Amino acid sequence: MQLGAFQFGINTAAYQTLQRSSEWRWPSQDRFGKPPVLQHVGQGSETITLPGVIYPEWRGGFGQVEQMRALAGQATPLQLIDGSGATFGKWVIEGVEEKQSVFADAGAPRKQEFTLKLRRFFETDGGLVTLVTGVASVVSAAAGGIPAVSIPPAATGPVSQAQGLANSVASTAKSLSASLSKAYSDVQQAVAPYTAVAADTIGAVVRCVEVADQLQTNANRVLALLGKRPINATAISSAQGLGRTAAGLLTRANSAGVILRNTTAQMEALGTVPKSTVQVVRSAAATADKCAAACRQTATQAATIKE
């Protein structure tokens, strides 16, 4: 599910349930000596409540709830689009509730529960809604009156940017995955005799493997959406989401690099560790740095994609 530029998912904020409420107005008119009559005067309000949970140290990182608040602070109706590309019209954020628990050092929460409250934004008479660079419109679909997003040729700028970014990230992540697969095998074998550092060192490489896999998965998701009208709007938002995911993964990659470089320094300080073993860990650290660089570059490039 995508709300404006914010994408819900395991890598960001995963909502656990979706509760949607729709109303139709039937005001009552009292009558003398008779039961009241009801008159239908049109559709009432619609609301969606999304309660969910975030484990910041696992995926996504800190700042997801703050992104929701920042989005609400823009005071702008936002398109709501599900994973299949179906649009639900525009919605506004009425409230963001947060509950923090399981605190780590310095009071950082390891668990964040949130509840996002949305209300449907109905257009005024005229029916057209400006999207993407002010040229796309939301029109009623033939069946059921569900809005469908239409992206004209003028939107090819951000679409092309999204495609270029996704292709680049997918290719880089694929290459990193291959290098990390070999690094994992080499490191596991090399550090096995050194129990004091083995677990942390292998864990750091595994963390980088996860970073590369998540980058590739998210990039492939963007590519799968591109060219499938009317889902280009979702692809653009997904590319922006890819940047936010990369920013969250940057911390994990940096942390892995620090651990691997520290392990290299410890092994060199001992003076009894074979140079070939030290070189294996040093090489893994260099690959971790490449992961971090890929995350940083992805976040930077995604920030330039504007709807």
C-alpha atoms as a PDB file:
ATOM      1  CA  MET A   1       0.000   0.000   0.000  1.00  0.00           C
ATOM      2  CA  GLN A   2       1.214   3.474  -0.894  1.00  0.00           C
ATOM      3  CA  LEU A   3       0.000   6.746   0.644  1.00  0.00           C
ATOM      4  CA  GLY A   4       1.448   9.646  -1.291  1.00  0.00           C
ATOM      5  CA  ALA A   5       5.200   9.075  -1.195  1.00  0.00           C
ATOM      6  CA  PHE A   6       5.059   6.774   1.839  1.00  0.00           C
ATOM      7  CA  GLN A   7       5.149   3.050   1.127  1.00  0.00           C
ATOM      8  CA  PHE A   8       3.963   0.574   3.727  1.00  0.00           C
ATOM      9  CA  GLY A   9       5.860  -2.723   3.911  1.00  0.00           C
ATOM     10  CA  ILE A  10       8.118  -4.985   5.915  1.00  0.00           C
ATOM     11  CA  ASN A  11      11.080  -2.754   5.077  1.00  0.00           C
ATOM     12  CA  THR A  12       9.293   0.362   6.389  1.00  0.00           C
ATOM     13  CA  ALA A  13       6.163   0.402   8.528  1.00  0.00           C
ATOM     14  CA  ALA A  14       4.017  -2.717   8.236  1.00  0.00           C
ATOM     15  CA  TYR A  15       0.402  -2.240   9.246  1.00  0.00           C
ATOM     16  CA  GLN A  16      -1.143  -5.307  10.869  1.00  0.00           C
ATOM     17  CA  THR A  17      -4.795  -4.638  10.057  1.00  0.00           C
ATOM     18  CA  LEU A  18      -6.779  -2.293   7.844  1.00  0.00           C
ATOM     19  CA  GLN A  19     -10.127  -1.080   9.109  1.00  0.00           C
ATOM     20  CA  ARG A  20     -12.252   0.867   6.616  1.00  0.00           C
ATOM     21  CA  SER A  21     -15.519   2.549   7.541  1.00  0.00           C
ATOM     22  CA  SER A  22     -17.987   4.052   5.013  1.00  0.00           C
ATOM     23  CA  GLU A  23     -21.151   6.002   5.772  1.00  0.00           C
ATOM     24  CA  TRP A  24     -24.291   6.895   3.824  1.00  0.00           C
ATOM     25  CA  ARG A  25     -26.436   9.712   5.116  1.00  0.00           C
ATOM     26  CA  TRP A  26     -30.117   9.072   5.867  1.00  0.00           C
ATOM     27  CA  PRO A  27     -31.398  12.004   7.947  1.00  0.00           C
ATOM     28  CA  SER A  28     -34.642  11.440   9.826  1.00  0.00           C
ATOM     29  CA  GLN A  29     -37.709  13.642   9.406  1.00  0.00           C
ATOM     30  CA  ASP A  30     -40.250  13.500  12.181  1.00  0.00           C
ATOM     31  CA  ARG A  31     -43.966  13.301  11.327  1.00  0.00           C
ATOM     32  CA  PHE A  32     -46.962  14.036  13.519  1.00  0.00           C
ATOM     33  CA  GLY A  33     -48.668  10.822  14.592  1.00  0.00           C
ATOM     34  CA  LYS A  34     -46.547   8.672  12.305  1.00  0.00           C
ATOM     35  CA  PRO A  35     -43.089   7.094  12.391  1.00  0.00           C
ATOM     36  CA  PRO A  36     -40.243   9.295  11.111  1.00  0.00           C
ATOM     37  CA  VAL A  37     -39.221   8.963   7.488  1.00  0.00           C
ATOM     38  CA  LEU A  38     -35.693   8.698   6.171  1.00  0.00           C
ATOM     39  CA  GLN A  39     -34.264  10.529   3.193  1.00  0.00           C
ATOM     40  CA  HIS A  40     -31.060   9.579   1.431  1.00  0.00           C
ATOM     41  CA  VAL A  41     -28.950  12.688   0.875  1.00  0.00           C
ATOM     42  CA  GLY A  42     -25.713  11.130  -0.321  1.00  0.00           C
ATOM     43  CA  GLN A  43     -22.565   9.407   0.821  1.00  0.00           C
ATOM     44  CA  GLY A  44     -21.045  10.347   4.153  1.00  0.00           C
ATOM     45  CA  SER A  45     -17.469  10.240   5.370  1.00  0.00           C
ATOM     46  CA  GLU A  46     -15.024   7.381   4.888  1.00  0.00           C
ATOM     47  CA  THR A  47     -12.214   6.539   7.259  1.00  0.00           C
ATOM     48  CA  ILE A  48      -9.341   4.067   7.318  1.00  0.00           C
ATOM     49  CA  THR A  49      -7.416   3.079  10.434  1.00  0.00           C
ATOM     50  CA  LEU A  50      -4.025   1.402  10.056  1.00  0.00           C
ATOM     51  CA  PRO A  51      -2.483   0.030  13.265  1.00  0.00           C
ATOM     52  CA  GLY A  52       0.981  -1.463  12.857  1.00  0.00           C
ATOM     53  CA  VAL A  53       4.352  -2.177  14.372  1.00  0.00           C
ATOM     54  CA  ILE A  54       7.943  -1.253  13.531  1.00  0.00           C
ATOM     55  CA  TYR A  55      11.117  -2.929  14.757  1.00  0.00           C
ATOM     56  CA  PRO A  56      13.624  -0.175  13.868  1.00  0.00           C
ATOM     57  CA  GLU A  57      16.762  -2.257  14.414  1.00  0.00           C
ATOM     58  CA  TRP A  58      15.556  -5.031  12.136  1.00  0.00           C
ATOM     59  CA  ARG A  59      14.426  -3.215   9.001  1.00  0.00           C
ATOM     60  CA  GLY A  60      13.494   0.276   7.977  1.00  0.00           C
ATOM     61  CA  GLY A  61      15.397   2.064  10.708  1.00  0.00           C
ATOM     62  CA  PHE A  62      14.182   4.883  12.899  1.00  0.00           C
ATOM     63  CA  GLY A  63      12.177   7.779  11.563  1.00  0.00           C
ATOM     64  CA  GLN A  64       9.219   5.982   9.945  1.00  0.00           C
ATOM     65  CA  VAL A  65       6.653   7.484  12.311  1.00  0.00           C
ATOM     66  CA  GLU A  66       8.271  10.897  11.912  1.00  0.00           C
ATOM     67  CA  GLN A  67       7.842  10.538   8.150  1.00  0.00           C
ATOM     68  CA  MET A  68       4.123   9.960   8.715  1.00  0.00           C
ATOM     69  CA  ARG A  69       3.942  13.092  10.865  1.00  0.00           C
ATOM     70  CA  ALA A  70       5.864  15.093   8.270  1.00  0.00           C
ATOM     71  CA  LEU A  71       3.478  13.868   5.585  1.00  0.00           C
ATOM     72  CA  ALA A  72       0.503  14.894   7.723  1.00  0.00           C
ATOM     73  CA  GLY A  73       2.115  18.277   8.317  1.00  0.00           C
ATOM     74  CA  GLN A  74       2.078  19.013   4.584  1.00  0.00           C
ATOM     75  CA  ALA A  75      -1.720  19.409   4.883  1.00  0.00           C
ATOM     76  CA  THR A  76      -2.194  17.913   1.416  1.00  0.00           C
ATOM     77  CA  PRO A  77      -4.638  15.191   0.285  1.00  0.00           C
ATOM     78  CA  LEU A  78      -2.666  12.087  -0.714  1.00  0.00           C
ATOM     79  CA  GLN A  79      -3.357   9.343  -3.241  1.00  0.00           C
ATOM     80  CA  LEU A  80      -3.889   5.897  -1.716  1.00  0.00           C
ATOM     81  CA  ILE A  81      -2.851   3.046  -4.027  1.00  0.00           C
ATOM     82  CA  ASP A  82      -2.649  -0.656  -3.207  1.00  0.00           C
ATOM     83  CA  GLY A  83       0.009  -3.108  -4.362  1.00  0.00           C
ATOM     84  CA  SER A  84      -1.953  -4.131  -7.467  1.00  0.00           C
ATOM     85  CA  GLY A  85      -2.188  -0.530  -8.683  1.00  0.00           C
ATOM     86  CA  ALA A  86      -5.838   0.048  -7.726  1.00  0.00           C
ATOM     87  CA  THR A  87      -6.429   3.583  -6.494  1.00  0.00           C
ATOM     88  CA  PHE A  88      -8.715   4.489  -3.606  1.00  0.00           C
ATOM     89  CA  GLY A  89      -8.869   8.215  -4.228  1.00  0.00           C
ATOM     90  CA  LYS A  90      -7.348  10.905  -2.048  1.00  0.00           C
ATOM     91  CA  TRP A  91      -7.080  10.759   1.715  1.00  0.00           C
ATOM     92  CA  VAL A  92      -5.878  13.079   4.462  1.00  0.00           C
ATOM     93  CA  ILE A  93      -4.024  12.080   7.620  1.00  0.00           C
ATOM     94  CA  GLU A  94      -6.119  12.991  10.638  1.00  0.00           C
ATOM     95  CA  GLY A  95      -3.929  11.492  13.318  1.00  0.00           C
ATOM     96  CA  VAL A  96      -0.721   9.584  14.064  1.00  0.00           C
ATOM     97  CA  GLU A  97      -0.476   7.719  17.361  1.00  0.00           C
ATOM     98  CA  GLU A  98       2.761   6.135  18.593  1.00  0.00           C
ATOM     99  CA  LYS A  99       3.672   3.789  21.424  1.00  0.00           C
ATOM    100  CA  GLN A 100       7.323   2.989  22.158  1.00  0.00           C
ATOM    101  CA  SER A 101       8.548  -0.003  24.155  1.00  0.00           C
ATOM    102  CA  VAL A 102      11.517  -2.358  24.698  1.00  0.00           C
ATOM    103  CA  PHE A 103      14.111   0.369  25.115  1.00  0.00           C
ATOM    104  CA  ALA A 104      17.803  -0.020  24.324  1.00  0.00           C
ATOM    105  CA  ASP A 105      20.718   2.140  25.446  1.00  0.00           C
ATOM    106  CA  ALA A 106      20.065   5.889  25.407  1.00  0.00           C
ATOM    107  CA  GLY A 107      16.316   5.264  25.343  1.00  0.00           C
ATOM    108  CA  ALA A 108      16.111   4.111  21.722  1.00  0.00           C
ATOM    109  CA  PRO A 109      12.934   2.031  21.254  1.00  0.00           C
ATOM    110  CA  ARG A 110      13.331  -1.418  19.772  1.00  0.00           C
ATOM    111  CA  LYS A 111       9.589  -1.599  19.156  1.00  0.00           C
ATOM    112  CA  GLN A 112       7.294   1.131  17.880  1.00  0.00           C
ATOM    113  CA  GLU A 113       3.555   0.629  17.592  1.00  0.00           C
ATOM    114  CA  PHE A 114       1.623   3.148  15.522  1.00  0.00           C
ATOM    115  CA  THR A 115      -1.918   3.918  14.460  1.00  0.00           C
ATOM    116  CA  LEU A 116      -2.484   6.006  11.347  1.00  0.00           C
ATOM    117  CA  LYS A 117      -5.951   7.548  10.939  1.00  0.00           C
ATOM    118  CA  LEU A 118      -7.068   8.561   7.454  1.00  0.00           C
ATOM    119  CA  ARG A 119     -10.211  10.277   6.145  1.00  0.00           C
ATOM    120  CA  ARG A 120     -11.369  10.309   2.527  1.00  0.00           C
ATOM    121  CA  PHE A 121     -10.964  13.600   0.704  1.00  0.00           C
ATOM    122  CA  PHE A 122     -13.832  14.064  -1.750  1.00  0.00           C
ATOM    123  CA  GLU A 123     -13.271  16.339  -4.722  1.00  0.00           C
ATOM    124  CA  THR A 124     -15.460  19.343  -5.369  1.00  0.00           C
ATOM    125  CA  ASP A 125     -17.608  19.511  -8.509  1.00  0.00           C
ATOM    126  CA  GLY A 126     -15.553  19.261 -11.663  1.00  0.00           C
ATOM    127  CA  GLY A 127     -14.067  15.866 -11.006  1.00  0.00           C
ATOM    128  CA  LEU A 128     -10.492  16.451 -12.228  1.00  0.00           C
ATOM    129  CA  VAL A 129      -7.551  16.082  -9.875  1.00  0.00           C
ATOM    130  CA  THR A 130      -4.052  17.247 -10.759  1.00  0.00           C
ATOM    131  CA  LEU A 131      -1.324  14.618 -10.358  1.00  0.00           C
ATOM    132  CA  VAL A 132       2.381  14.227 -11.086  1.00  0.00           C
ATOM    133  CA  THR A 133       3.535  17.462 -12.814  1.00  0.00           C
ATOM    134  CA  GLY A 134       0.062  18.969 -12.779  1.00  0.00           C
ATOM    135  CA  VAL A 135      -1.035  17.182 -15.949  1.00  0.00           C
ATOM    136  CA  ALA A 136      -2.363  13.782 -14.861  1.00  0.00           C
ATOM    137  CA  SER A 137      -5.988  13.463 -13.830  1.00  0.00           C
ATOM    138  CA  VAL A 138      -8.053  11.097 -11.771  1.00  0.00           C
ATOM    139  CA  VAL A 139     -11.169   9.946 -13.609  1.00  0.00           C
ATOM    140  CA  SER A 140     -13.943   7.541 -12.698  1.00  0.00           C
ATOM    141  CA  ALA A 141     -13.358   3.950 -13.751  1.00  0.00           C
ATOM    142  CA  ALA A 142     -16.062   2.343 -15.842  1.00  0.00           C
ATOM    143  CA  ALA A 143     -16.997  -0.205 -13.168  1.00  0.00           C
ATOM    144  CA  GLY A 144     -17.908   0.795  -9.645  1.00  0.00           C
ATOM    145  CA  GLY A 145     -16.765   4.405  -9.963  1.00  0.00           C
ATOM    146  CA  ILE A 146     -13.303   3.574  -8.548  1.00  0.00           C
ATOM    147  CA  PRO A 147     -10.818   6.327  -9.501  1.00  0.00           C
ATOM    148  CA  ALA A 148      -8.042   5.310 -11.907  1.00  0.00           C
ATOM    149  CA  VAL A 149      -4.781   7.208 -12.361  1.00  0.00           C
ATOM    150  CA  SER A 150      -3.905   8.258 -15.892  1.00  0.00           C
ATOM    151  CA  ILE A 151      -0.334   9.356 -16.641  1.00  0.00           C
ATOM    152  CA  PRO A 152       0.085  11.325 -19.889  1.00  0.00           C
ATOM    153  CA  PRO A 153       3.387  11.546 -21.827  1.00  0.00           C
ATOM    154  CA  ALA A 154       4.345  14.692 -19.887  1.00  0.00           C
ATOM    155  CA  ALA A 155       5.111  12.485 -16.881  1.00  0.00           C
ATOM    156  CA  THR A 156       7.871  10.556 -18.653  1.00  0.00           C
ATOM    157  CA  GLY A 157      10.547  12.642 -16.899  1.00  0.00           C
ATOM    158  CA  PRO A 158      10.145  11.179 -13.419  1.00  0.00           C
ATOM    159  CA  VAL A 159       9.190   7.797 -14.924  1.00  0.00           C
ATOM    160  CA  SER A 160      12.485   7.695 -16.823  1.00  0.00           C
ATOM    161  CA  GLN A 161      14.349   8.701 -13.666  1.00  0.00           C
ATOM    162  CA  ALA A 162      12.635   5.945 -11.718  1.00  0.00           C
ATOM    163  CA  GLN A 163      13.500   3.385 -14.373  1.00  0.00           C
ATOM    164  CA  GLY A 164      17.130   4.491 -14.546  1.00  0.00           C
ATOM    165  CA  LEU A 165      17.499   4.366 -10.780  1.00  0.00           C
ATOM    166  CA  ALA A 166      15.845   0.955 -10.483  1.00  0.00           C
ATOM    167  CA  ASN A 167      17.974  -0.540 -13.275  1.00  0.00           C
ATOM    168  CA  SER A 168      21.145   0.818 -11.718  1.00  0.00           C
ATOM    169  CA  VAL A 169      20.291  -0.380  -8.209  1.00  0.00           C
ATOM    170  CA  ALA A 170      19.188  -3.831  -9.427  1.00  0.00           C
ATOM    171  CA  SER A 171      22.431  -4.284 -11.339  1.00  0.00           C
ATOM    172  CA  THR A 172      24.621  -3.038  -8.481  1.00  0.00           C
ATOM    173  CA  ALA A 173      22.785  -5.133  -5.891  1.00  0.00           C
ATOM    174  CA  LYS A 174      23.087  -8.241  -8.063  1.00  0.00           C
ATOM    175  CA  SER A 175      26.837  -7.727  -8.329  1.00  0.00           C
ATOM    176  CA  LEU A 176      27.123  -7.093  -4.591  1.00  0.00           C
ATOM    177  CA  SER A 177      25.118 -10.241  -3.831  1.00  0.00           C
ATOM    178  CA  ALA A 178      27.533 -12.333  -5.871  1.00  0.00           C
ATOM    179  CA  SER A 179      30.560 -10.791  -4.111  1.00  0.00           C
ATOM    180  CA  LEU A 180      28.959 -11.176  -0.683  1.00  0.00           C
ATOM    181  CA  SER A 181      28.059 -14.805  -1.320  1.00  0.00           C
ATOM    182  CA  LYS A 182      31.733 -15.563  -1.895  1.00  0.00           C
ATOM    183  CA  ALA A 183      32.750 -13.329   1.027  1.00  0.00           C
ATOM    184  CA  TYR A 184      30.415 -15.200   3.356  1.00  0.00           C
ATOM    185  CA  SER A 185      31.904 -18.556   2.389  1.00  0.00           C
ATOM    186  CA  ASP A 186      35.470 -17.265   2.665  1.00  0.00           C
ATOM    187  CA  VAL A 187      34.951 -15.446   5.986  1.00  0.00           C
ATOM    188  CA  GLN A 188      33.086 -18.337   7.570  1.00  0.00           C
ATOM    189  CA  GLN A 189      35.989 -20.639   6.825  1.00  0.00           C
ATOM    190  CA  ALA A 190      38.726 -18.136   7.661  1.00  0.00           C
ATOM    191  CA  VAL A 191      37.488 -16.965  11.075  1.00  0.00           C
ATOM    192  CA  ALA A 192      36.144 -20.301  12.349  1.00  0.00           C
ATOM    193  CA  PRO A 193      39.234 -20.915  14.563  1.00  0.00           C
ATOM    194  CA  TYR A 194      38.873 -17.480  16.199  1.00  0.00           C
ATOM    195  CA  THR A 195      35.769 -17.889  18.335  1.00  0.00           C
ATOM    196  CA  ALA A 196      36.150 -14.462  19.973  1.00  0.00           C
ATOM    197  CA  VAL A 197      35.346 -12.674  16.724  1.00  0.00           C
ATOM    198  CA  ALA A 198      33.756 -15.359  14.534  1.00  0.00           C
ATOM    199  CA  ALA A 199      30.093 -14.733  15.395  1.00  0.00           C
ATOM    200  CA  ASP A 200      30.226 -10.945  15.012  1.00  0.00           C
ATOM    201  CA  THR A 201      32.280 -11.154  11.817  1.00  0.00           C
ATOM    202  CA  ILE A 202      30.024 -13.666  10.105  1.00  0.00           C
ATOM    203  CA  GLY A 203      26.971 -11.771  11.333  1.00  0.00           C
ATOM    204  CA  ALA A 204      28.294  -8.575   9.758  1.00  0.00           C
ATOM    205  CA  VAL A 205      28.626 -10.259   6.371  1.00  0.00           C
ATOM    206  CA  VAL A 206      25.118 -11.705   6.696  1.00  0.00           C
ATOM    207  CA  ARG A 207      23.850  -8.188   7.420  1.00  0.00           C
ATOM    208  CA  CYS A 208      25.398  -6.967   4.170  1.00  0.00           C
ATOM    209  CA  VAL A 209      23.828  -9.873   2.283  1.00  0.00           C
ATOM    210  CA  GLU A 210      20.438  -8.766   3.603  1.00  0.00           C
ATOM    211  CA  VAL A 211      21.120  -5.168   2.569  1.00  0.00           C
ATOM    212  CA  ALA A 212      21.959  -6.207  -1.011  1.00  0.00           C
ATOM    213  CA  ASP A 213      18.930  -8.505  -1.197  1.00  0.00           C
ATOM    214  CA  GLN A 214      16.558  -5.790  -0.001  1.00  0.00           C
ATOM    215  CA  LEU A 215      17.970  -3.269  -2.459  1.00  0.00           C
ATOM    216  CA  GLN A 216      17.533  -5.719  -5.335  1.00  0.00           C
ATOM    217  CA  THR A 217      14.016  -6.723  -4.247  1.00  0.00           C
ATOM    218  CA  ASN A 218      12.843  -3.122  -4.009  1.00  0.00           C
ATOM    219  CA  ALA A 219      14.463  -2.163  -7.316  1.00  0.00           C
ATOM    220  CA  ASN A 220      12.815  -5.115  -9.073  1.00  0.00           C
ATOM    221  CA  ARG A 221       9.466  -4.060  -7.608  1.00  0.00           C
ATOM    222  CA  VAL A 222       9.835  -0.633  -9.223  1.00  0.00           C
ATOM    223  CA  LEU A 223      10.768  -2.210 -12.569  1.00  0.00           C
ATOM    224  CA  ALA A 224       7.762  -4.545 -12.396  1.00  0.00           C
ATOM    225  CA  LEU A 225       5.421  -1.562 -12.072  1.00  0.00           C
ATOM    226  CA  LEU A 226       6.922   0.610 -14.805  1.00  0.00           C
ATOM    227  CA  GLY A 227       5.148   0.688 -18.142  1.00  0.00           C
ATOM    228  CA  LYS A 228       1.974  -0.852 -16.757  1.00  0.00           C
ATOM    229  CA  ARG A 229      -0.461   2.024 -16.950  1.00  0.00           C
ATOM    230  CA  PRO A 230      -2.074   3.269 -14.862  1.00  0.00           C
ATOM    231  CA  ILE A 231       0.559   2.153 -12.365  1.00  0.00           C
ATOM    232  CA  ASN A 232       3.358   4.518 -13.393  1.00  0.00           C
ATOM    233  CA  ALA A 233       2.395   6.830 -10.542  1.00  0.00           C
ATOM    234  CA  THR A 234       2.939   3.941  -8.156  1.00  0.00           C
ATOM    235  CA  ALA A 235       6.294   3.187  -9.772  1.00  0.00           C
ATOM    236  CA  ILE A 236       7.449   6.764  -9.213  1.00  0.00           C
ATOM    237  CA  SER A 237       6.401   6.615  -5.574  1.00  0.00           C
ATOM    238  CA  SER A 238       8.023   3.192  -5.257  1.00  0.00           C
ATOM    239  CA  ALA A 239      11.277   4.615  -6.583  1.00  0.00           C
ATOM    240  CA  GLN A 240      11.073   7.338  -3.954  1.00  0.00           C
ATOM    241  CA  GLY A 241      10.360   4.601  -1.400  1.00  0.00           C
ATOM    242  CA  LEU A 242      13.447   2.758  -2.644  1.00  0.00           C
ATOM    243  CA  GLY A 243      15.479   5.809  -1.620  1.00  0.00           C
ATOM    244  CA  ARG A 244      13.989   5.815   1.867  1.00  0.00           C
ATOM    245  CA  THR A 245      14.656   2.083   2.183  1.00  0.00           C
ATOM    246  CA  ALA A 246      18.257   2.622   1.112  1.00  0.00           C
ATOM    247  CA  ALA A 247      18.657   5.388   3.694  1.00  0.00           C
ATOM    248  CA  GLY A 248      17.450   2.987   6.387  1.00  0.00           C
ATOM    249  CA  LEU A 249      19.764   0.216   5.162  1.00  0.00           C
ATOM    250  CA  LEU A 250      22.759   2.560   5.183  1.00  0.00           C
ATOM    251  CA  THR A 251      23.040   2.268   8.968  1.00  0.00           C
ATOM    252  CA  ARG A 252      23.157  -1.530   8.740  1.00  0.00           C
ATOM    253  CA  ALA A 253      25.831  -1.495   6.045  1.00  0.00           C
ATOM    254  CA  ASN A 254      27.936   1.064   7.919  1.00  0.00           C
ATOM    255  CA  SER A 255      27.651  -0.976  11.104  1.00  0.00           C
ATOM    256  CA  ALA A 256      28.777  -4.121   9.294  1.00  0.00           C
ATOM    257  CA  GLY A 257      31.762  -2.298   7.830  1.00  0.00           C
ATOM    258  CA  VAL A 258      32.810  -1.040  11.266  1.00  0.00           C
ATOM    259  CA  ILE A 259      32.656  -4.552  12.738  1.00  0.00           C
ATOM    260  CA  LEU A 260      34.696  -6.043   9.900  1.00  0.00           C
ATOM    261  CA  ARG A 261      37.341  -3.315  10.074  1.00  0.00           C
ATOM    262  CA  ASN A 262      37.584  -3.740  13.851  1.00  0.00           C
ATOM    263  CA  THR A 263      38.028  -7.478  13.379  1.00  0.00           C
ATOM    264  CA  THR A 264      40.818  -6.838  10.877  1.00  0.00           C
ATOM    265  CA  ALA A 265      42.577  -4.542  13.359  1.00  0.00           C
ATOM    266  CA  GLN A 266      42.238  -7.095  16.175  1.00  0.00           C
ATOM    267  CA  MET A 267      43.679  -9.873  14.043  1.00  0.00           C
ATOM    268  CA  GLU A 268      46.600  -7.722  12.942  1.00  0.00           C
ATOM    269  CA  ALA A 269      47.277  -6.747  16.562  1.00  0.00           C
ATOM    270  CA  LEU A 270      47.536 -10.392  17.587  1.00  0.00           C
ATOM    271  CA  GLY A 271      50.351 -10.946  15.107  1.00  0.00           C
ATOM    272  CA  THR A 272      49.647 -14.673  14.962  1.00  0.00           C
ATOM    273  CA  VAL A 273      46.790 -14.626  12.466  1.00  0.00           C
ATOM    274  CA  PRO A 274      47.807 -15.599   8.917  1.00  0.00           C
ATOM    275  CA  LYS A 275      47.891 -12.703   6.494  1.00  0.00           C
ATOM    276  CA  SER A 276      45.577 -14.587   4.165  1.00  0.00           C
ATOM    277  CA  THR A 277      42.900 -14.682   6.889  1.00  0.00           C
ATOM    278  CA  VAL A 278      43.293 -10.980   7.626  1.00  0.00           C
ATOM    279  CA  GLN A 279      43.001 -10.249   3.907  1.00  0.00           C
ATOM    280  CA  VAL A 280      39.738 -12.203   3.658  1.00  0.00           C
ATOM    281  CA  VAL A 281      38.166 -10.072   6.400  1.00  0.00           C
ATOM    282  CA  ARG A 282      39.616  -6.872   4.954  1.00  0.00           C
ATOM    283  CA  SER A 283      38.118  -7.751   1.566  1.00  0.00           C
ATOM    284  CA  ALA A 284      34.729  -8.347   3.198  1.00  0.00           C
ATOM    285  CA  ALA A 285      34.989  -4.932   4.875  1.00  0.00           C
ATOM    286  CA  ALA A 286      35.637  -3.328   1.491  1.00  0.00           C
ATOM    287  CA  THR A 287      32.524  -5.020   0.107  1.00  0.00           C
ATOM    288  CA  ALA A 288      30.517  -3.743   3.089  1.00  0.00           C
ATOM    289  CA  ASP A 289      31.718  -0.243   2.256  1.00  0.00           C
ATOM    290  CA  LYS A 290      30.476  -0.762  -1.320  1.00  0.00           C
ATOM    291  CA  CYS A 291      27.090  -1.730   0.113  1.00  0.00           C
ATOM    292  CA  ALA A 292      27.024   1.464   2.150  1.00  0.00           C
ATOM    293  CA  ALA A 293      28.043   3.516  -0.888  1.00  0.00           C
ATOM    294  CA  ALA A 294      25.234   1.914  -2.940  1.00  0.00           C
ATOM    295  CA  CYS A 295      22.708   2.773  -0.234  1.00  0.00           C
ATOM    296  CA  ARG A 296      23.953   6.347   0.017  1.00  0.00           C
ATOM    297  CA  GLN A 297      23.914   6.871  -3.751  1.00  0.00           C
ATOM    298  CA  THR A 298      20.447   5.327  -4.090  1.00  0.00           C
ATOM    299  CA  ALA A 299      19.015   7.603  -1.404  1.00  0.00           C
ATOM    300  CA  THR A 300      20.593  10.660  -3.027  1.00  0.00           C
ATOM    301  CA  GLN A 301      19.380   9.853  -6.539  1.00  0.00           C
ATOM    302  CA  ALA A 302      15.859   8.928  -5.379  1.00  0.00           C
ATOM    303  CA  ALA A 303      15.546  12.314  -3.701  1.00  0.00           C
ATOM    304  CA  THR A 304      15.806  13.980  -7.116  1.00  0.00           C
ATOM    305  CA  ILE A 305      12.743  12.149  -8.467  1.00  0.00           C
ATOM    306  CA  LYS A 306       9.783  14.490  -8.136  1.00  0.00           C
ATOM    307  CA  GLU A 307       6.173  13.796  -9.009  1.00  0.00           C
END
